[in-house]
N, C-alpha and C. Protein backbone atom coordinates (compact mmCIF):
# COMPACT_ATOMS: atom_id res chain seq x y z
N MET A 1 49.52 -10.89 43.68
CA MET A 1 50.55 -10.61 44.66
C MET A 1 51.61 -9.76 43.98
N SER A 2 51.86 -8.60 44.49
CA SER A 2 52.78 -7.69 43.83
C SER A 2 54.20 -7.83 44.37
N ILE A 3 55.13 -7.43 43.55
CA ILE A 3 56.55 -7.48 43.87
C ILE A 3 57.05 -6.04 43.93
N ASP A 4 57.90 -5.78 44.91
CA ASP A 4 58.54 -4.47 45.00
C ASP A 4 59.74 -4.47 44.06
N PHE A 5 59.58 -3.84 42.91
CA PHE A 5 60.64 -3.83 41.90
C PHE A 5 61.81 -2.95 42.32
N GLU A 6 61.65 -2.18 43.38
CA GLU A 6 62.72 -1.31 43.87
C GLU A 6 63.50 -1.95 45.02
N ALA A 7 63.12 -3.15 45.42
CA ALA A 7 63.79 -3.83 46.53
C ALA A 7 65.24 -4.11 46.15
N PRO A 8 66.14 -4.07 47.14
CA PRO A 8 67.55 -4.35 46.84
C PRO A 8 67.73 -5.82 46.45
N GLY A 9 68.72 -6.09 45.64
CA GLY A 9 68.99 -7.46 45.21
C GLY A 9 68.37 -7.75 43.86
N TYR A 10 68.55 -8.99 43.45
CA TYR A 10 68.02 -9.41 42.16
C TYR A 10 66.52 -9.68 42.25
N LEU A 11 65.82 -9.44 41.16
CA LEU A 11 64.38 -9.63 41.11
C LEU A 11 64.01 -11.09 41.38
N TYR A 12 64.79 -12.03 40.85
CA TYR A 12 64.46 -13.44 41.06
C TYR A 12 64.60 -13.83 42.53
N GLU A 13 65.50 -13.17 43.27
CA GLU A 13 65.62 -13.43 44.71
C GLU A 13 64.37 -12.96 45.44
N THR A 14 63.85 -11.82 45.04
CA THR A 14 62.63 -11.29 45.64
C THR A 14 61.46 -12.24 45.39
N VAL A 15 61.35 -12.73 44.16
CA VAL A 15 60.28 -13.67 43.83
C VAL A 15 60.45 -14.96 44.63
N ALA A 16 61.67 -15.47 44.72
CA ALA A 16 61.94 -16.69 45.48
C ALA A 16 61.57 -16.50 46.95
N LYS A 17 61.88 -15.35 47.51
CA LYS A 17 61.54 -15.09 48.91
C LYS A 17 60.03 -15.06 49.11
N ARG A 18 59.30 -14.49 48.16
CA ARG A 18 57.83 -14.45 48.25
C ARG A 18 57.25 -15.87 48.22
N ILE A 19 57.77 -16.69 47.32
CA ILE A 19 57.29 -18.07 47.23
C ILE A 19 57.68 -18.83 48.50
N ALA A 20 58.89 -18.60 49.01
CA ALA A 20 59.33 -19.25 50.24
C ALA A 20 58.42 -18.87 51.41
N GLU A 21 57.98 -17.62 51.46
CA GLU A 21 57.04 -17.20 52.50
C GLU A 21 55.73 -17.97 52.40
N ARG A 22 55.27 -18.18 51.18
CA ARG A 22 54.04 -18.94 50.96
C ARG A 22 54.21 -20.39 51.41
N ILE A 23 55.41 -20.94 51.23
CA ILE A 23 55.68 -22.30 51.68
C ILE A 23 55.72 -22.34 53.20
N GLU A 24 56.41 -21.39 53.81
CA GLU A 24 56.55 -21.35 55.27
C GLU A 24 55.21 -21.18 55.98
N THR A 25 54.31 -20.41 55.39
CA THR A 25 53.01 -20.18 56.02
C THR A 25 52.03 -21.33 55.77
N GLY A 26 52.40 -22.24 54.87
CA GLY A 26 51.52 -23.36 54.57
C GLY A 26 50.56 -23.10 53.43
N GLU A 27 50.61 -21.90 52.85
CA GLU A 27 49.76 -21.61 51.70
C GLU A 27 50.07 -22.58 50.56
N LEU A 28 51.36 -22.89 50.40
CA LEU A 28 51.79 -23.93 49.47
C LEU A 28 52.22 -25.12 50.33
N ALA A 29 51.38 -26.12 50.38
CA ALA A 29 51.56 -27.25 51.29
C ALA A 29 52.61 -28.23 50.78
N PRO A 30 53.25 -28.97 51.69
CA PRO A 30 54.22 -29.99 51.30
C PRO A 30 53.59 -31.02 50.36
N ASN A 31 54.39 -31.52 49.45
CA ASN A 31 54.02 -32.55 48.48
C ASN A 31 52.98 -32.08 47.46
N THR A 32 52.78 -30.77 47.36
CA THR A 32 51.87 -30.24 46.34
C THR A 32 52.71 -29.52 45.28
N PRO A 33 52.21 -29.50 44.05
CA PRO A 33 52.99 -28.83 43.01
C PRO A 33 52.93 -27.32 43.15
N LEU A 34 54.03 -26.68 42.77
CA LEU A 34 54.03 -25.23 42.66
C LEU A 34 53.12 -24.87 41.48
N PRO A 35 52.53 -23.69 41.49
CA PRO A 35 51.80 -23.26 40.30
C PRO A 35 52.74 -23.26 39.10
N ALA A 36 52.18 -23.38 37.92
CA ALA A 36 52.98 -23.38 36.69
C ALA A 36 53.82 -22.11 36.59
N GLU A 37 54.96 -22.21 35.93
CA GLU A 37 55.86 -21.06 35.79
C GLU A 37 55.15 -19.87 35.15
N GLY A 38 54.35 -20.14 34.12
CA GLY A 38 53.63 -19.06 33.46
C GLY A 38 52.65 -18.37 34.39
N GLN A 39 51.99 -19.16 35.21
CA GLN A 39 51.04 -18.59 36.17
C GLN A 39 51.77 -17.73 37.20
N LEU A 40 52.91 -18.22 37.70
CA LEU A 40 53.69 -17.44 38.67
C LEU A 40 54.20 -16.15 38.04
N ALA A 41 54.63 -16.23 36.78
CA ALA A 41 55.13 -15.03 36.08
C ALA A 41 54.02 -13.98 35.99
N ARG A 42 52.82 -14.41 35.64
CA ARG A 42 51.70 -13.46 35.56
C ARG A 42 51.32 -12.93 36.94
N GLU A 43 51.32 -13.82 37.92
CA GLU A 43 50.95 -13.45 39.28
C GLU A 43 51.87 -12.38 39.85
N TYR A 44 53.17 -12.53 39.60
CA TYR A 44 54.14 -11.59 40.15
C TYR A 44 54.50 -10.47 39.18
N GLY A 45 54.04 -10.56 37.95
CA GLY A 45 54.32 -9.52 36.96
C GLY A 45 55.76 -9.49 36.52
N VAL A 46 56.35 -10.68 36.37
CA VAL A 46 57.75 -10.79 35.97
C VAL A 46 57.86 -11.70 34.75
N ALA A 47 59.06 -11.75 34.17
CA ALA A 47 59.31 -12.60 33.02
C ALA A 47 59.43 -14.07 33.44
N LEU A 48 59.18 -14.94 32.49
CA LEU A 48 59.27 -16.38 32.74
C LEU A 48 60.68 -16.77 33.20
N GLY A 49 61.70 -16.16 32.63
CA GLY A 49 63.08 -16.45 33.04
C GLY A 49 63.33 -16.10 34.50
N THR A 50 62.70 -15.05 34.98
CA THR A 50 62.84 -14.66 36.39
C THR A 50 62.25 -15.73 37.29
N VAL A 51 61.11 -16.27 36.90
CA VAL A 51 60.48 -17.34 37.68
C VAL A 51 61.35 -18.59 37.66
N ARG A 52 61.95 -18.89 36.53
CA ARG A 52 62.83 -20.06 36.44
C ARG A 52 64.04 -19.92 37.36
N GLN A 53 64.61 -18.71 37.40
CA GLN A 53 65.74 -18.48 38.31
C GLN A 53 65.30 -18.58 39.76
N ALA A 54 64.10 -18.07 40.05
CA ALA A 54 63.57 -18.15 41.42
C ALA A 54 63.37 -19.61 41.82
N THR A 55 62.85 -20.41 40.91
CA THR A 55 62.63 -21.84 41.18
C THR A 55 63.96 -22.54 41.43
N ARG A 56 64.98 -22.18 40.65
CA ARG A 56 66.31 -22.76 40.86
C ARG A 56 66.82 -22.43 42.26
N LEU A 57 66.61 -21.20 42.67
CA LEU A 57 67.04 -20.78 44.00
C LEU A 57 66.28 -21.52 45.09
N LEU A 58 64.99 -21.72 44.90
CA LEU A 58 64.19 -22.49 45.87
C LEU A 58 64.70 -23.92 45.97
N ARG A 59 65.14 -24.50 44.84
CA ARG A 59 65.73 -25.85 44.89
C ARG A 59 67.02 -25.83 45.69
N GLU A 60 67.85 -24.81 45.47
CA GLU A 60 69.11 -24.69 46.22
C GLU A 60 68.84 -24.57 47.72
N TRP A 61 67.77 -23.87 48.08
CA TRP A 61 67.41 -23.71 49.49
C TRP A 61 66.77 -24.96 50.06
N GLY A 62 66.47 -25.94 49.23
CA GLY A 62 65.87 -27.19 49.70
C GLY A 62 64.38 -27.10 49.96
N LEU A 63 63.72 -26.09 49.40
CA LEU A 63 62.28 -25.92 49.64
C LEU A 63 61.42 -26.63 48.62
N VAL A 64 61.96 -26.86 47.42
CA VAL A 64 61.20 -27.54 46.38
C VAL A 64 62.09 -28.57 45.70
N VAL A 65 61.43 -29.49 45.00
CA VAL A 65 62.14 -30.49 44.21
C VAL A 65 61.45 -30.56 42.86
N THR A 66 62.24 -30.65 41.80
CA THR A 66 61.68 -30.74 40.45
C THR A 66 61.82 -32.17 39.97
N VAL A 67 60.69 -32.73 39.52
CA VAL A 67 60.65 -34.08 38.98
C VAL A 67 60.45 -33.95 37.48
N ARG A 68 61.38 -34.48 36.74
CA ARG A 68 61.34 -34.35 35.28
C ARG A 68 60.01 -34.85 34.72
N SER A 69 59.43 -34.08 33.86
CA SER A 69 58.16 -34.37 33.19
C SER A 69 56.96 -34.39 34.13
N LYS A 70 57.16 -34.01 35.38
CA LYS A 70 56.07 -34.00 36.36
C LYS A 70 55.80 -32.60 36.90
N GLY A 71 56.87 -31.85 37.18
CA GLY A 71 56.71 -30.51 37.72
C GLY A 71 57.58 -30.28 38.94
N THR A 72 57.35 -29.16 39.58
CA THR A 72 58.11 -28.78 40.78
C THR A 72 57.17 -28.86 41.97
N TYR A 73 57.62 -29.53 43.01
CA TYR A 73 56.79 -29.79 44.19
C TYR A 73 57.44 -29.21 45.44
N VAL A 74 56.59 -28.81 46.37
CA VAL A 74 57.05 -28.33 47.67
C VAL A 74 57.55 -29.55 48.43
N ARG A 75 58.75 -29.43 48.98
CA ARG A 75 59.32 -30.54 49.75
C ARG A 75 58.71 -30.60 51.13
N ARG A 76 58.59 -31.80 51.62
CA ARG A 76 58.14 -31.99 52.99
C ARG A 76 59.29 -31.61 53.90
N ARG A 77 58.99 -30.78 54.88
CA ARG A 77 60.02 -30.33 55.81
C ARG A 77 60.21 -31.37 56.90
N GLU A 78 61.45 -31.72 57.12
CA GLU A 78 61.77 -32.66 58.20
C GLU A 78 61.77 -31.90 59.51
N LYS A 79 61.08 -32.44 60.47
CA LYS A 79 61.07 -31.79 61.78
C LYS A 79 62.37 -32.14 62.51
N THR A 80 62.99 -31.12 63.06
CA THR A 80 64.22 -31.35 63.82
C THR A 80 63.87 -31.38 65.29
N PRO A 81 64.46 -32.32 66.03
CA PRO A 81 64.17 -32.39 67.46
C PRO A 81 64.67 -31.15 68.18
N GLU A 82 63.95 -30.75 69.22
CA GLU A 82 64.34 -29.57 69.97
C GLU A 82 65.49 -29.85 70.93
N PHE A 83 65.74 -31.11 71.19
CA PHE A 83 66.85 -31.48 72.06
C PHE A 83 67.44 -32.78 71.55
N CYS A 84 68.63 -33.07 72.02
CA CYS A 84 69.32 -34.28 71.61
C CYS A 84 69.46 -35.18 72.83
N LEU A 85 68.97 -36.40 72.73
CA LEU A 85 68.99 -37.33 73.88
C LEU A 85 70.40 -37.75 74.28
N TRP A 86 71.32 -37.76 73.35
CA TRP A 86 72.65 -38.25 73.66
C TRP A 86 73.64 -37.15 74.00
N SER A 87 73.22 -35.92 74.05
CA SER A 87 74.15 -34.85 74.40
C SER A 87 74.06 -34.53 75.89
N ALA A 88 75.15 -34.11 76.42
CA ALA A 88 75.21 -33.76 77.85
C ALA A 88 74.57 -32.39 78.05
N PRO A 89 73.87 -32.19 79.16
CA PRO A 89 73.24 -30.89 79.43
C PRO A 89 74.25 -29.80 79.69
């Protein structure tokens, strides 16, 4: 999977957005580990530090959770109701 190195913004943001797209489409399923940082770095053709910054950003966005000594996992998305029973129409 290639990265557009000419895209506006920081490179780690671009990588984070690519991974977020994979989460949104279900390619990276909830409660499954993200690929290893080294694997992601090779896959996207970026430095390991860039992947670490991207992972930090994904945590800030609430898409992944890191468990010490276990790895980083895709968070299960909570479904939000389309309507509220106690609100007036």
